[in-house]
């Protein structure tokens, strides 16, 4: 029997302690993800939690800082798997594919942080591995994206002032353009949960 797995990617405190969190498009990302988690559990789907780590860096993703934990309000069940990754996608540096195979999963639903980075990359790799991929943009979060020439050192104010900056909405739109019909099916929260999203 084939199953669906909800993959919750990097919905962790690491992002909330960085200055660019104020640019996030969905500050309520934990609530949005929680809706999907509840619907998945009710349907008997597998729920897999992913946390991004950068050990030894001293940054927000270094486990030693204490920020590599789920955003408050999200709580895995004892039966649910939590994996830690060091690559952008959730497959390459983890046993995610093994977990999915052992549970007979043929479809994955992707949500989390960031839309165009770890979420999109996981969707692409998942598709290449043969999974049917559902991408829930409404249950992903990202921030305005600075031009590569200033990305590493720019302040939030400089990012917002630069005409080359992509808004979070533009980033999400571009991600959907790239994924739809190629790597994933784009679905809404309402479609997957049956409950309208609060506006």
N, C-alpha and C. Protein backbone atom coordinates (compact mmCIF):
# COMPACT_ATOMS: atom_id res chain seq x y z
N UNK A 1 0.85 -1.20 0.00
CA UNK A 1 0.00 0.00 0.00
C UNK A 1 0.88 1.24 0.00
N UNK A 2 0.64 2.13 -0.93
CA UNK A 2 1.46 3.35 -0.99
C UNK A 2 0.93 4.37 0.01
N UNK A 3 1.84 5.14 0.52
CA UNK A 3 1.49 6.13 1.53
C UNK A 3 2.02 7.50 1.13
N UNK A 4 1.49 8.49 1.81
CA UNK A 4 1.97 9.87 1.66
C UNK A 4 2.75 10.25 2.90
N UNK A 5 3.81 11.03 2.72
CA UNK A 5 4.59 11.54 3.84
C UNK A 5 4.63 13.06 3.77
N UNK A 6 4.35 13.70 4.89
CA UNK A 6 4.53 15.15 5.02
C UNK A 6 5.95 15.39 5.50
N UNK A 7 6.72 16.15 4.73
CA UNK A 7 8.09 16.47 5.09
C UNK A 7 8.13 17.92 5.58
N UNK A 8 8.39 18.12 6.85
CA UNK A 8 8.43 19.46 7.45
C UNK A 8 9.89 19.89 7.53
N UNK A 9 10.24 20.89 6.71
CA UNK A 9 11.66 21.23 6.54
C UNK A 9 12.05 22.51 7.28
N UNK A 10 12.94 22.38 8.23
CA UNK A 10 13.66 23.51 8.84
C UNK A 10 12.76 24.59 9.47
N UNK A 11 11.64 24.19 10.04
CA UNK A 11 10.79 25.19 10.72
C UNK A 11 11.35 25.35 12.13
N UNK A 12 12.49 26.03 12.19
CA UNK A 12 13.28 26.04 13.40
C UNK A 12 13.63 27.44 13.86
N UNK A 13 13.96 27.53 15.13
CA UNK A 13 14.25 28.82 15.77
C UNK A 13 15.46 29.51 15.14
N UNK A 14 16.32 28.75 14.48
CA UNK A 14 17.52 29.33 13.86
C UNK A 14 17.18 30.54 13.00
N UNK A 15 16.07 30.45 12.26
CA UNK A 15 15.69 31.55 11.37
C UNK A 15 15.20 32.77 12.14
N UNK A 16 14.53 32.52 13.24
CA UNK A 16 13.89 33.63 13.96
C UNK A 16 14.90 34.50 14.72
N UNK A 17 16.11 34.00 14.91
CA UNK A 17 17.12 34.80 15.62
C UNK A 17 18.00 35.60 14.65
N UNK A 18 17.75 35.45 13.35
CA UNK A 18 18.54 36.20 12.37
C UNK A 18 17.82 37.50 12.00
N UNK A 19 18.58 38.56 11.69
CA UNK A 19 17.96 39.86 11.39
C UNK A 19 16.96 39.83 10.25
N UNK A 20 17.20 38.98 9.25
CA UNK A 20 16.31 39.01 8.08
C UNK A 20 14.96 38.33 8.33
N UNK A 21 14.75 37.80 9.54
CA UNK A 21 13.43 37.23 9.86
C UNK A 21 12.34 38.28 9.73
N UNK A 22 12.70 39.54 9.96
CA UNK A 22 11.70 40.61 9.84
C UNK A 22 11.21 40.78 8.41
N UNK A 23 11.88 40.16 7.45
CA UNK A 23 11.47 40.21 6.05
C UNK A 23 10.62 39.00 5.65
N UNK A 24 10.34 38.11 6.58
CA UNK A 24 9.66 36.86 6.24
C UNK A 24 8.22 37.11 5.76
N UNK A 25 7.79 36.33 4.79
CA UNK A 25 6.44 36.51 4.26
C UNK A 25 5.36 35.86 5.11
N UNK A 26 5.70 34.80 5.84
CA UNK A 26 4.73 34.11 6.68
C UNK A 26 5.27 33.95 8.10
N UNK A 27 5.19 35.01 8.90
CA UNK A 27 5.66 34.88 10.29
C UNK A 27 4.87 33.84 11.08
N UNK A 28 3.69 33.47 10.56
CA UNK A 28 2.86 32.45 11.21
C UNK A 28 3.12 31.06 10.61
N UNK A 29 4.33 30.84 10.10
CA UNK A 29 4.65 29.58 9.43
C UNK A 29 4.38 28.37 10.32
N UNK A 30 4.63 28.47 11.61
CA UNK A 30 4.40 27.32 12.49
C UNK A 30 2.92 26.94 12.51
N UNK A 31 2.04 27.93 12.52
CA UNK A 31 0.60 27.65 12.50
C UNK A 31 0.19 27.00 11.19
N UNK A 32 0.73 27.50 10.09
CA UNK A 32 0.40 26.95 8.77
C UNK A 32 0.86 25.49 8.67
N UNK A 33 2.08 25.24 9.12
CA UNK A 33 2.61 23.88 9.10
C UNK A 33 1.80 22.98 10.03
N UNK A 34 1.42 23.51 11.18
CA UNK A 34 0.65 22.71 12.14
C UNK A 34 -0.67 22.24 11.53
N UNK A 35 -1.29 23.07 10.70
CA UNK A 35 -2.52 22.66 10.02
C UNK A 35 -2.26 21.44 9.14
N UNK A 36 -1.16 21.46 8.41
CA UNK A 36 -0.82 20.32 7.57
C UNK A 36 -0.51 19.09 8.40
N UNK A 37 0.21 19.29 9.50
CA UNK A 37 0.58 18.16 10.37
C UNK A 37 -0.67 17.50 10.93
N UNK A 38 -1.62 18.31 11.39
CA UNK A 38 -2.85 17.74 11.95
C UNK A 38 -3.63 16.96 10.90
N UNK A 39 -3.71 17.52 9.68
CA UNK A 39 -4.42 16.84 8.60
C UNK A 39 -3.72 15.55 8.21
N UNK A 40 -2.39 15.58 8.18
CA UNK A 40 -1.62 14.38 7.84
C UNK A 40 -1.82 13.28 8.87
N UNK A 41 -1.77 13.65 10.13
CA UNK A 41 -1.98 12.66 11.19
C UNK A 41 -3.37 12.06 11.11
N UNK A 42 -4.35 12.89 10.85
CA UNK A 42 -5.74 12.42 10.76
C UNK A 42 -5.91 11.45 9.59
N UNK A 43 -5.16 11.70 8.51
CA UNK A 43 -5.25 10.84 7.33
C UNK A 43 -4.40 9.57 7.47
N UNK A 44 -3.60 9.49 8.53
CA UNK A 44 -2.73 8.34 8.71
C UNK A 44 -1.44 8.43 7.92
N UNK A 45 -1.11 9.64 7.46
CA UNK A 45 0.12 9.83 6.70
C UNK A 45 1.33 9.88 7.63
N UNK A 46 2.47 9.60 7.06
CA UNK A 46 3.73 9.72 7.79
C UNK A 46 4.08 11.19 7.93
N UNK A 47 4.63 11.60 9.07
CA UNK A 47 5.13 12.96 9.26
C UNK A 47 6.61 12.85 9.61
N UNK A 48 7.44 13.52 8.81
CA UNK A 48 8.89 13.51 9.05
C UNK A 48 9.35 14.95 9.27
N UNK A 49 10.07 15.17 10.36
CA UNK A 49 10.56 16.49 10.73
C UNK A 49 12.04 16.59 10.38
N UNK A 50 12.41 17.71 9.74
CA UNK A 50 13.80 17.91 9.31
C UNK A 50 14.34 19.19 9.94
N UNK A 51 15.53 19.12 10.48
CA UNK A 51 16.21 20.29 11.04
C UNK A 51 17.55 20.47 10.34
N UNK A 52 17.86 21.71 9.97
CA UNK A 52 19.14 21.99 9.32
C UNK A 52 20.20 22.31 10.37
N UNK A 53 21.37 21.71 10.21
CA UNK A 53 22.46 21.95 11.15
C UNK A 53 23.75 22.31 10.43
N UNK A 54 24.51 23.17 11.07
CA UNK A 54 25.84 23.53 10.58
C UNK A 54 26.80 23.46 11.77
N UNK A 55 27.15 22.24 12.18
CA UNK A 55 27.98 22.06 13.38
C UNK A 55 29.32 22.78 13.27
N UNK A 56 29.73 23.38 14.38
CA UNK A 56 31.05 23.99 14.45
C UNK A 56 31.15 25.37 13.86
N UNK A 57 30.04 25.92 13.37
CA UNK A 57 30.10 27.24 12.72
C UNK A 57 29.88 28.38 13.71
N UNK A 58 29.26 28.08 14.85
CA UNK A 58 28.97 29.13 15.82
C UNK A 58 27.80 30.01 15.43
N UNK A 59 27.16 29.71 14.32
CA UNK A 59 26.03 30.51 13.85
C UNK A 59 24.70 29.97 14.34
N UNK A 60 23.63 30.51 13.77
CA UNK A 60 22.27 30.16 14.22
C UNK A 60 21.92 28.70 13.95
N UNK A 61 22.65 28.06 13.03
CA UNK A 61 22.35 26.66 12.70
C UNK A 61 23.33 25.68 13.35
N UNK A 62 24.21 26.21 14.19
CA UNK A 62 25.12 25.36 14.97
C UNK A 62 24.33 24.81 16.17
N UNK A 63 24.20 23.48 16.29
CA UNK A 63 23.44 22.92 17.41
C UNK A 63 23.89 23.42 18.77
N UNK A 64 25.16 23.82 18.88
CA UNK A 64 25.69 24.29 20.16
C UNK A 64 25.02 25.59 20.62
N UNK A 65 24.42 26.34 19.69
CA UNK A 65 23.79 27.61 20.07
C UNK A 65 22.40 27.42 20.68
N UNK A 66 21.83 26.22 20.49
CA UNK A 66 20.50 25.94 21.06
C UNK A 66 19.34 26.37 20.19
N UNK A 67 19.62 26.89 19.00
CA UNK A 67 18.53 27.36 18.13
C UNK A 67 18.04 26.30 17.15
N UNK A 68 18.75 25.19 17.07
CA UNK A 68 18.34 24.12 16.14
C UNK A 68 17.27 23.27 16.82
N UNK A 69 16.09 23.86 16.89
CA UNK A 69 14.91 23.19 17.47
C UNK A 69 13.68 23.78 16.80
N UNK A 70 12.62 23.01 16.81
CA UNK A 70 11.40 23.45 16.16
C UNK A 70 10.87 24.72 16.79
N UNK A 71 10.24 25.56 15.97
CA UNK A 71 9.60 26.77 16.48
C UNK A 71 8.53 26.37 17.49
N UNK A 72 8.42 27.12 18.55
CA UNK A 72 7.44 26.82 19.59
C UNK A 72 6.06 26.60 19.00
N UNK A 73 5.38 25.58 19.49
CA UNK A 73 4.05 25.25 19.01
C UNK A 73 4.03 24.00 18.14
N UNK A 74 5.21 23.61 17.66
CA UNK A 74 5.32 22.39 16.87
C UNK A 74 5.94 21.29 17.72
N UNK A 75 5.30 20.13 17.73
CA UNK A 75 5.76 19.06 18.61
C UNK A 75 5.59 17.71 17.92
N UNK A 76 6.68 17.05 17.56
CA UNK A 76 6.55 15.71 16.97
C UNK A 76 5.97 14.72 17.96
N UNK A 77 5.21 13.76 17.45
CA UNK A 77 4.76 12.65 18.28
C UNK A 77 5.93 11.70 18.50
N UNK A 78 5.90 10.92 19.57
CA UNK A 78 7.01 9.99 19.82
C UNK A 78 7.25 9.02 18.67
N UNK A 79 6.22 8.75 17.88
CA UNK A 79 6.35 7.80 16.77
C UNK A 79 6.86 8.44 15.49
N UNK A 80 7.01 9.76 15.49
CA UNK A 80 7.42 10.46 14.28
C UNK A 80 8.93 10.66 14.24
N UNK A 81 9.49 10.58 13.05
CA UNK A 81 10.93 10.67 12.85
C UNK A 81 11.38 12.12 12.74
N UNK A 82 12.47 12.46 13.43
CA UNK A 82 13.13 13.75 13.26
C UNK A 82 14.55 13.48 12.75
N UNK A 83 14.90 14.11 11.64
CA UNK A 83 16.24 13.93 11.08
C UNK A 83 16.94 15.27 10.99
N UNK A 84 18.26 15.23 11.01
CA UNK A 84 19.06 16.44 10.91
C UNK A 84 19.89 16.36 9.64
N UNK A 85 19.92 17.46 8.90
CA UNK A 85 20.62 17.49 7.63
C UNK A 85 21.69 18.58 7.64
N UNK A 86 22.67 18.41 6.76
CA UNK A 86 23.70 19.43 6.60
C UNK A 86 23.76 19.93 5.16
N UNK A 87 22.89 19.41 4.29
CA UNK A 87 22.81 19.86 2.89
C UNK A 87 21.51 20.64 2.72
N UNK A 88 21.36 21.31 1.56
CA UNK A 88 20.14 22.06 1.31
C UNK A 88 18.93 21.15 1.21
N UNK A 89 19.06 20.02 0.51
CA UNK A 89 17.91 19.12 0.41
C UNK A 89 17.90 18.14 1.57
N UNK A 90 16.73 17.55 1.81
CA UNK A 90 16.56 16.69 2.98
C UNK A 90 16.97 15.25 2.74
N UNK A 91 17.47 14.93 1.54
CA UNK A 91 17.83 13.55 1.21
C UNK A 91 19.32 13.26 1.32
N UNK A 92 20.18 14.15 0.78
CA UNK A 92 21.57 13.81 0.51
C UNK A 92 22.37 13.41 1.74
N UNK A 93 22.18 14.11 2.84
CA UNK A 93 23.01 13.85 4.04
C UNK A 93 22.22 13.16 5.16
N UNK A 94 21.11 12.52 4.80
CA UNK A 94 20.24 11.89 5.82
C UNK A 94 19.80 10.50 5.36
N UNK A 95 19.03 9.85 6.22
CA UNK A 95 18.44 8.55 5.88
C UNK A 95 16.97 8.71 5.49
N UNK A 96 16.58 9.89 5.00
CA UNK A 96 15.18 10.15 4.67
C UNK A 96 14.64 9.14 3.66
N UNK A 97 15.39 8.87 2.61
CA UNK A 97 14.88 7.94 1.60
C UNK A 97 14.65 6.56 2.20
N UNK A 98 15.52 6.15 3.08
CA UNK A 98 15.34 4.85 3.75
C UNK A 98 14.07 4.83 4.59
N UNK A 99 13.82 5.92 5.32
CA UNK A 99 12.61 6.02 6.14
C UNK A 99 11.36 5.95 5.26
N UNK A 100 11.39 6.66 4.14
CA UNK A 100 10.24 6.67 3.24
C UNK A 100 10.03 5.28 2.62
N UNK A 101 11.11 4.65 2.21
CA UNK A 101 11.01 3.31 1.61
C UNK A 101 10.45 2.30 2.61
N UNK A 102 10.95 2.35 3.83
CA UNK A 102 10.50 1.41 4.86
C UNK A 102 9.02 1.56 5.16
N UNK A 103 8.49 2.77 4.93
CA UNK A 103 7.09 3.04 5.22
C UNK A 103 6.20 3.02 3.97
N UNK A 104 6.76 2.58 2.85
CA UNK A 104 5.97 2.43 1.64
C UNK A 104 5.48 3.73 1.05
N UNK A 105 6.25 4.80 1.21
CA UNK A 105 5.83 6.12 0.75
C UNK A 105 6.11 6.28 -0.74
N UNK A 106 5.10 6.79 -1.47
CA UNK A 106 5.28 7.08 -2.89
C UNK A 106 5.03 8.55 -3.20
N UNK A 107 4.43 9.27 -2.27
CA UNK A 107 4.13 10.70 -2.45
C UNK A 107 4.64 11.48 -1.25
N UNK A 108 5.31 12.60 -1.53
CA UNK A 108 5.75 13.47 -0.43
C UNK A 108 5.11 14.84 -0.57
N UNK A 109 4.75 15.41 0.56
CA UNK A 109 4.21 16.76 0.63
C UNK A 109 5.26 17.62 1.32
N UNK A 110 5.68 18.68 0.64
CA UNK A 110 6.80 19.50 1.13
C UNK A 110 6.29 20.83 1.68
N UNK A 111 6.75 21.16 2.90
CA UNK A 111 6.46 22.46 3.51
C UNK A 111 7.67 22.86 4.34
N UNK A 112 7.70 24.14 4.78
CA UNK A 112 8.80 24.56 5.66
C UNK A 112 9.47 25.86 5.26
N UNK A 113 10.73 26.01 5.65
CA UNK A 113 11.55 27.20 5.42
C UNK A 113 12.86 26.74 4.75
N UNK A 114 13.39 27.40 3.74
CA UNK A 114 12.87 28.46 2.93
C UNK A 114 12.30 27.91 1.64
N UNK A 115 11.35 28.65 1.09
CA UNK A 115 10.62 28.22 -0.10
C UNK A 115 11.54 27.82 -1.23
N UNK A 116 12.47 28.74 -1.60
CA UNK A 116 13.29 28.57 -2.80
C UNK A 116 14.59 27.83 -2.54
N UNK A 117 14.84 27.50 -1.30
CA UNK A 117 16.13 26.92 -0.97
C UNK A 117 15.94 25.46 -0.56
N UNK A 118 15.80 25.19 0.71
CA UNK A 118 15.72 23.80 1.17
C UNK A 118 14.42 23.11 0.73
N UNK A 119 13.33 23.86 0.69
CA UNK A 119 12.06 23.25 0.27
C UNK A 119 12.07 22.91 -1.21
N UNK A 120 12.45 23.89 -2.03
CA UNK A 120 12.50 23.64 -3.47
C UNK A 120 13.51 22.56 -3.82
N UNK A 121 14.66 22.58 -3.19
CA UNK A 121 15.71 21.60 -3.51
C UNK A 121 15.25 20.20 -3.12
N UNK A 122 14.58 20.07 -2.00
CA UNK A 122 14.05 18.77 -1.58
C UNK A 122 13.00 18.28 -2.57
N UNK A 123 12.15 19.20 -3.04
CA UNK A 123 11.13 18.82 -4.02
C UNK A 123 11.78 18.30 -5.30
N UNK A 124 12.80 19.00 -5.78
CA UNK A 124 13.48 18.58 -7.01
C UNK A 124 14.13 17.21 -6.85
N UNK A 125 14.87 17.03 -5.76
CA UNK A 125 15.55 15.75 -5.54
C UNK A 125 14.53 14.64 -5.34
N UNK A 126 13.47 14.93 -4.59
CA UNK A 126 12.42 13.93 -4.37
C UNK A 126 11.80 13.48 -5.68
N UNK A 127 11.55 14.43 -6.57
CA UNK A 127 11.00 14.11 -7.88
C UNK A 127 11.97 13.23 -8.67
N UNK A 128 13.24 13.59 -8.66
CA UNK A 128 14.24 12.81 -9.39
C UNK A 128 14.38 11.39 -8.82
N UNK A 129 14.07 11.23 -7.54
CA UNK A 129 14.14 9.90 -6.92
C UNK A 129 12.88 9.08 -7.18
N UNK A 130 11.89 9.70 -7.85
CA UNK A 130 10.71 8.94 -8.24
C UNK A 130 9.47 9.18 -7.41
N UNK A 131 9.53 10.10 -6.46
CA UNK A 131 8.35 10.39 -5.64
C UNK A 131 7.42 11.36 -6.38
N UNK A 132 6.13 11.19 -6.17
CA UNK A 132 5.17 12.22 -6.56
C UNK A 132 5.28 13.31 -5.51
N UNK A 133 5.52 14.54 -5.94
CA UNK A 133 5.78 15.63 -5.00
C UNK A 133 4.65 16.64 -5.03
N UNK A 134 4.16 16.99 -3.84
CA UNK A 134 3.19 18.06 -3.67
C UNK A 134 3.90 19.18 -2.92
N UNK A 135 3.83 20.37 -3.44
CA UNK A 135 4.52 21.52 -2.84
C UNK A 135 3.47 22.51 -2.37
N UNK A 136 3.49 22.81 -1.08
CA UNK A 136 2.47 23.69 -0.49
C UNK A 136 3.11 25.04 -0.20
N UNK A 137 3.11 25.92 -1.20
CA UNK A 137 3.77 27.22 -1.06
C UNK A 137 3.24 28.00 0.13
N UNK A 138 1.93 27.91 0.38
CA UNK A 138 1.31 28.63 1.51
C UNK A 138 1.86 28.17 2.85
N UNK A 139 2.40 26.97 2.89
CA UNK A 139 2.97 26.45 4.13
C UNK A 139 4.49 26.40 4.04
N UNK A 140 5.03 27.32 3.21
CA UNK A 140 6.48 27.56 3.23
C UNK A 140 6.68 29.03 3.59
N UNK A 141 7.88 29.35 3.98
CA UNK A 141 8.20 30.75 4.30
C UNK A 141 9.54 31.09 3.67
N UNK A 142 9.66 32.36 3.29
CA UNK A 142 10.95 32.84 2.80
C UNK A 142 11.02 34.34 3.05
N UNK A 143 12.12 34.93 2.67
CA UNK A 143 12.35 36.35 2.90
C UNK A 143 12.69 37.03 1.58
N UNK A 144 12.65 38.34 1.57
CA UNK A 144 13.15 39.09 0.42
C UNK A 144 14.58 38.65 0.15
N UNK A 145 14.92 38.54 -1.13
CA UNK A 145 16.22 37.99 -1.52
C UNK A 145 17.08 39.07 -2.16
N UNK A 146 18.21 39.32 -1.52
CA UNK A 146 19.13 40.36 -2.01
C UNK A 146 19.86 39.91 -3.26
N UNK A 147 20.31 40.88 -4.05
CA UNK A 147 21.14 40.61 -5.22
C UNK A 147 22.43 39.92 -4.75
N UNK A 148 22.92 38.94 -5.52
CA UNK A 148 24.13 38.21 -5.10
C UNK A 148 25.32 39.10 -4.76
N UNK A 149 25.42 40.26 -5.38
CA UNK A 149 26.59 41.12 -5.16
C UNK A 149 26.61 41.74 -3.76
N UNK A 150 25.46 41.79 -3.10
CA UNK A 150 25.43 42.39 -1.76
C UNK A 150 24.89 41.43 -0.70
N UNK A 151 24.54 40.22 -1.10
CA UNK A 151 23.80 39.32 -0.22
C UNK A 151 24.47 39.04 1.12
N UNK A 152 25.76 38.83 1.11
CA UNK A 152 26.43 38.39 2.34
C UNK A 152 26.60 39.49 3.39
N UNK A 153 26.76 40.74 2.94
CA UNK A 153 27.05 41.79 3.92
C UNK A 153 25.95 42.83 4.07
N UNK A 154 24.88 42.74 3.29
CA UNK A 154 23.84 43.78 3.31
C UNK A 154 22.99 43.74 4.57
N UNK A 155 22.64 44.92 5.07
CA UNK A 155 21.69 45.01 6.18
C UNK A 155 20.28 44.85 5.63
N UNK A 156 19.34 44.65 6.52
CA UNK A 156 17.93 44.55 6.11
C UNK A 156 17.50 45.81 5.37
N UNK A 157 17.93 46.95 5.87
CA UNK A 157 17.58 48.23 5.24
C UNK A 157 18.15 48.34 3.83
N UNK A 158 19.39 47.89 3.66
CA UNK A 158 20.02 47.93 2.33
C UNK A 158 19.32 46.97 1.36
N UNK A 159 18.92 45.83 1.85
CA UNK A 159 18.20 44.87 1.01
C UNK A 159 16.90 45.47 0.52
N UNK A 160 16.17 46.11 1.43
CA UNK A 160 14.88 46.69 1.06
C UNK A 160 15.04 47.88 0.12
N UNK A 161 16.14 48.61 0.25
CA UNK A 161 16.36 49.80 -0.57
C UNK A 161 16.88 49.49 -1.97
N UNK A 162 17.39 48.30 -2.17
CA UNK A 162 17.99 47.93 -3.45
C UNK A 162 16.91 47.53 -4.45
N UNK A 163 16.87 48.19 -5.59
CA UNK A 163 15.84 47.90 -6.60
C UNK A 163 15.98 46.50 -7.20
N UNK A 164 17.14 45.87 -7.01
CA UNK A 164 17.35 44.52 -7.55
C UNK A 164 16.80 43.43 -6.64
N UNK A 165 16.43 43.79 -5.42
CA UNK A 165 15.93 42.82 -4.46
C UNK A 165 14.63 42.18 -4.95
N UNK A 166 14.56 40.86 -4.80
CA UNK A 166 13.32 40.16 -5.09
C UNK A 166 12.49 40.11 -3.81
N UNK A 167 11.23 40.46 -3.89
CA UNK A 167 10.36 40.35 -2.72
C UNK A 167 10.11 38.87 -2.45
N UNK A 168 9.67 38.57 -1.24
CA UNK A 168 9.34 37.17 -0.91
C UNK A 168 8.28 36.64 -1.86
N UNK A 169 7.32 37.49 -2.23
CA UNK A 169 6.26 37.07 -3.14
C UNK A 169 6.82 36.70 -4.51
N UNK A 170 7.80 37.48 -4.98
CA UNK A 170 8.44 37.17 -6.27
C UNK A 170 9.22 35.86 -6.19
N UNK A 171 9.88 35.64 -5.06
CA UNK A 171 10.64 34.41 -4.87
C UNK A 171 9.70 33.20 -4.92
N UNK A 172 8.56 33.31 -4.22
CA UNK A 172 7.60 32.21 -4.20
C UNK A 172 7.05 31.96 -5.60
N UNK A 173 6.71 33.03 -6.30
CA UNK A 173 6.16 32.90 -7.65
C UNK A 173 7.15 32.19 -8.57
N UNK A 174 8.40 32.59 -8.52
CA UNK A 174 9.42 31.97 -9.36
C UNK A 174 9.60 30.50 -9.02
N UNK A 175 9.54 30.17 -7.73
CA UNK A 175 9.65 28.78 -7.31
C UNK A 175 8.50 27.96 -7.88
N UNK A 176 7.29 28.50 -7.80
CA UNK A 176 6.14 27.79 -8.35
C UNK A 176 6.27 27.61 -9.86
N UNK A 177 6.73 28.65 -10.55
CA UNK A 177 6.92 28.55 -12.00
C UNK A 177 7.86 27.41 -12.36
N UNK A 178 8.93 27.28 -11.59
CA UNK A 178 9.95 26.27 -11.88
C UNK A 178 9.47 24.86 -11.53
N UNK A 179 8.78 24.73 -10.40
CA UNK A 179 8.39 23.40 -9.94
C UNK A 179 7.17 22.83 -10.66
N UNK A 180 6.17 23.67 -10.89
CA UNK A 180 4.88 23.20 -11.40
C UNK A 180 5.02 22.50 -12.75
N UNK A 181 4.47 21.30 -12.82
CA UNK A 181 4.50 20.55 -14.07
C UNK A 181 5.81 19.89 -14.39
N UNK A 182 6.83 20.18 -13.60
CA UNK A 182 8.15 19.58 -13.82
C UNK A 182 8.53 18.69 -12.63
N UNK A 183 8.56 19.30 -11.47
CA UNK A 183 9.01 18.57 -10.29
C UNK A 183 7.91 18.34 -9.26
N UNK A 184 6.84 19.12 -9.31
CA UNK A 184 5.85 19.03 -8.24
C UNK A 184 4.49 19.54 -8.71
N UNK A 185 3.48 19.20 -7.95
CA UNK A 185 2.15 19.78 -8.09
C UNK A 185 1.98 20.79 -6.97
N UNK A 186 1.59 22.01 -7.31
CA UNK A 186 1.39 23.05 -6.30
C UNK A 186 -0.02 22.91 -5.75
N UNK A 187 -0.13 22.78 -4.44
CA UNK A 187 -1.45 22.65 -3.80
C UNK A 187 -1.57 23.71 -2.69
N UNK A 188 -2.80 24.06 -2.34
CA UNK A 188 -3.03 25.06 -1.30
C UNK A 188 -3.31 24.38 0.05
N UNK A 189 -3.22 25.17 1.09
CA UNK A 189 -3.56 24.66 2.42
C UNK A 189 -5.01 24.20 2.47
N UNK A 190 -5.91 24.97 1.89
CA UNK A 190 -7.32 24.60 1.90
C UNK A 190 -7.53 23.25 1.23
N UNK A 191 -6.86 23.03 0.11
CA UNK A 191 -7.01 21.77 -0.61
C UNK A 191 -6.56 20.58 0.23
N UNK A 192 -5.53 20.75 1.02
CA UNK A 192 -4.98 19.63 1.78
C UNK A 192 -5.56 19.49 3.18
N UNK A 193 -6.17 20.54 3.69
CA UNK A 193 -6.69 20.47 5.06
C UNK A 193 -8.21 20.63 5.13
N UNK A 194 -8.79 21.20 4.08
CA UNK A 194 -10.23 21.42 4.11
C UNK A 194 -10.66 22.55 5.01
N UNK A 195 -9.68 23.30 5.52
CA UNK A 195 -9.98 24.42 6.43
C UNK A 195 -9.42 25.70 5.83
N UNK A 196 -10.25 26.73 5.63
CA UNK A 196 -9.75 27.99 5.05
C UNK A 196 -8.65 28.61 5.90
N UNK A 197 -7.66 29.16 5.22
CA UNK A 197 -6.57 29.84 5.93
C UNK A 197 -7.04 31.20 6.39
N UNK A 198 -6.68 31.57 7.62
CA UNK A 198 -7.07 32.87 8.17
C UNK A 198 -6.35 33.97 7.41
N UNK A 199 -7.05 35.04 7.08
CA UNK A 199 -6.42 36.12 6.32
C UNK A 199 -6.07 37.27 7.23
